[in-house]
Amino acid sequence: MYGALWRILPGPWWVRLLIILVLLAAVLYGLFFYVFPWVSDLVYPSEVTVE
């Protein structure tokens, strides 16, 4: 999968690396500011039982 992504990106290796870093930053931003807060409303840590 990563090899296919690397091959379809345009430009020399440093442009490809920059594009991948920007995409990774966008995914992390989306996770931290949209997905994780939504999931935290669904999970109640006070109701977890550990034996």
N, C-alpha and C. Protein backbone atom coordinates (compact mmCIF):
# COMPACT_ATOMS: atom_id res chain seq x y z
N MET A 1 0.82 -1.18 0.00
CA MET A 1 0.00 0.00 0.00
C MET A 1 0.88 1.25 0.00
N TYR A 2 1.89 1.27 0.85
CA TYR A 2 2.73 2.46 0.93
C TYR A 2 3.57 2.63 -0.34
N GLY A 3 3.98 1.53 -0.92
CA GLY A 3 4.72 1.60 -2.18
C GLY A 3 3.87 2.16 -3.31
N ALA A 4 2.61 1.75 -3.35
CA ALA A 4 1.69 2.27 -4.37
C ALA A 4 1.45 3.75 -4.17
N LEU A 5 1.29 4.17 -2.92
CA LEU A 5 1.11 5.60 -2.63
C LEU A 5 2.35 6.38 -3.05
N TRP A 6 3.51 5.85 -2.76
CA TRP A 6 4.76 6.52 -3.13
C TRP A 6 4.88 6.67 -4.65
N ARG A 7 4.46 5.64 -5.39
CA ARG A 7 4.60 5.68 -6.85
C ARG A 7 3.60 6.63 -7.51
N ILE A 8 2.41 6.83 -6.94
CA ILE A 8 1.43 7.68 -7.60
C ILE A 8 1.63 9.16 -7.30
N LEU A 9 2.42 9.48 -6.27
CA LEU A 9 2.67 10.88 -5.95
C LEU A 9 3.61 11.51 -6.97
N PRO A 10 3.35 12.76 -7.35
CA PRO A 10 4.19 13.41 -8.36
C PRO A 10 5.45 14.01 -7.75
N GLY A 11 6.44 14.24 -8.59
CA GLY A 11 7.62 14.99 -8.18
C GLY A 11 8.77 14.13 -7.71
N PRO A 12 9.88 14.79 -7.38
CA PRO A 12 11.04 14.08 -6.84
C PRO A 12 10.77 13.58 -5.42
N TRP A 13 11.70 12.85 -4.85
CA TRP A 13 11.48 12.20 -3.55
C TRP A 13 11.18 13.19 -2.44
N TRP A 14 11.79 14.37 -2.46
CA TRP A 14 11.58 15.32 -1.37
C TRP A 14 10.18 15.95 -1.44
N VAL A 15 9.63 16.09 -2.65
CA VAL A 15 8.26 16.59 -2.80
C VAL A 15 7.28 15.53 -2.33
N ARG A 16 7.55 14.28 -2.67
CA ARG A 16 6.70 13.18 -2.22
C ARG A 16 6.70 13.09 -0.70
N LEU A 17 7.87 13.23 -0.10
CA LEU A 17 7.98 13.19 1.35
C LEU A 17 7.21 14.34 1.99
N LEU A 18 7.30 15.52 1.42
CA LEU A 18 6.56 16.67 1.93
C LEU A 18 5.05 16.44 1.84
N ILE A 19 4.59 15.89 0.73
CA ILE A 19 3.17 15.61 0.55
C ILE A 19 2.69 14.60 1.59
N ILE A 20 3.48 13.55 1.81
CA ILE A 20 3.11 12.53 2.79
C ILE A 20 3.07 13.12 4.19
N LEU A 21 4.02 13.98 4.53
CA LEU A 21 4.03 14.60 5.85
C LEU A 21 2.82 15.51 6.05
N VAL A 22 2.44 16.24 5.01
CA VAL A 22 1.26 17.10 5.11
C VAL A 22 0.00 16.24 5.25
N LEU A 23 -0.10 15.16 4.51
CA LEU A 23 -1.24 14.26 4.63
C LEU A 23 -1.31 13.63 6.02
N LEU A 24 -0.17 13.23 6.54
CA LEU A 24 -0.12 12.65 7.88
C LEU A 24 -0.55 13.67 8.94
N ALA A 25 -0.08 14.90 8.79
CA ALA A 25 -0.48 15.96 9.73
C ALA A 25 -1.99 16.21 9.65
N ALA A 26 -2.56 16.18 8.45
CA ALA A 26 -3.99 16.39 8.30
C ALA A 26 -4.79 15.25 8.94
N VAL A 27 -4.33 14.04 8.80
CA VAL A 27 -5.01 12.89 9.42
C VAL A 27 -4.93 13.00 10.94
N LEU A 28 -3.77 13.32 11.47
CA LEU A 28 -3.63 13.47 12.92
C LEU A 28 -4.48 14.60 13.46
N TYR A 29 -4.54 15.71 12.74
CA TYR A 29 -5.40 16.83 13.13
C TYR A 29 -6.86 16.39 13.21
N GLY A 30 -7.30 15.69 12.18
CA GLY A 30 -8.67 15.21 12.16
C GLY A 30 -8.96 14.25 13.30
N LEU A 31 -8.01 13.38 13.60
CA LEU A 31 -8.21 12.46 14.71
C LEU A 31 -8.30 13.19 16.04
N PHE A 32 -7.35 14.09 16.31
CA PHE A 32 -7.30 14.75 17.61
C PHE A 32 -8.44 15.73 17.84
N PHE A 33 -8.91 16.39 16.81
CA PHE A 33 -9.91 17.43 17.01
C PHE A 33 -11.33 17.03 16.64
N TYR A 34 -11.53 15.90 15.97
CA TYR A 34 -12.87 15.48 15.60
C TYR A 34 -13.21 14.07 16.06
N VAL A 35 -12.35 13.11 15.80
CA VAL A 35 -12.67 11.71 16.10
C VAL A 35 -12.54 11.41 17.59
N PHE A 36 -11.39 11.75 18.19
CA PHE A 36 -11.18 11.42 19.59
C PHE A 36 -12.18 12.09 20.53
N PRO A 37 -12.53 13.38 20.34
CA PRO A 37 -13.58 13.95 21.20
C PRO A 37 -14.94 13.28 21.03
N TRP A 38 -15.26 12.88 19.82
CA TRP A 38 -16.52 12.19 19.58
C TRP A 38 -16.53 10.84 20.29
N VAL A 39 -15.42 10.10 20.22
CA VAL A 39 -15.33 8.79 20.86
C VAL A 39 -15.34 8.94 22.38
N SER A 40 -14.73 10.00 22.91
CA SER A 40 -14.69 10.16 24.37
C SER A 40 -16.09 10.37 24.95
N ASP A 41 -17.01 10.89 24.18
CA ASP A 41 -18.40 11.00 24.64
C ASP A 41 -19.08 9.64 24.72
N LEU A 42 -18.61 8.68 23.96
CA LEU A 42 -19.22 7.35 23.94
C LEU A 42 -18.62 6.40 24.97
N VAL A 43 -17.42 6.70 25.45
CA VAL A 43 -16.71 5.82 26.37
C VAL A 43 -16.74 6.46 27.76
N TYR A 44 -17.15 5.69 28.74
CA TYR A 44 -17.22 6.18 30.11
C TYR A 44 -16.16 5.46 30.94
N PRO A 45 -15.00 6.08 31.19
CA PRO A 45 -13.93 5.40 31.92
C PRO A 45 -14.29 5.06 33.36
N SER A 46 -15.25 5.73 33.96
CA SER A 46 -15.62 5.42 35.33
C SER A 46 -16.39 4.10 35.45
N GLU A 47 -16.88 3.59 34.35
CA GLU A 47 -17.65 2.35 34.37
C GLU A 47 -16.81 1.13 33.99
N VAL A 48 -15.51 1.28 33.92
CA VAL A 48 -14.63 0.18 33.53
C VAL A 48 -14.27 -0.62 34.77
N THR A 49 -14.39 -1.94 34.68
CA THR A 49 -14.04 -2.81 35.78
C THR A 49 -12.80 -3.61 35.41
N VAL A 50 -11.78 -3.53 36.26
CA VAL A 50 -10.55 -4.28 36.05
C VAL A 50 -10.38 -5.25 37.21
N GLU A 51 -10.18 -6.50 36.88
CA GLU A 51 -10.02 -7.52 37.94
C GLU A 51 -8.58 -7.95 38.03
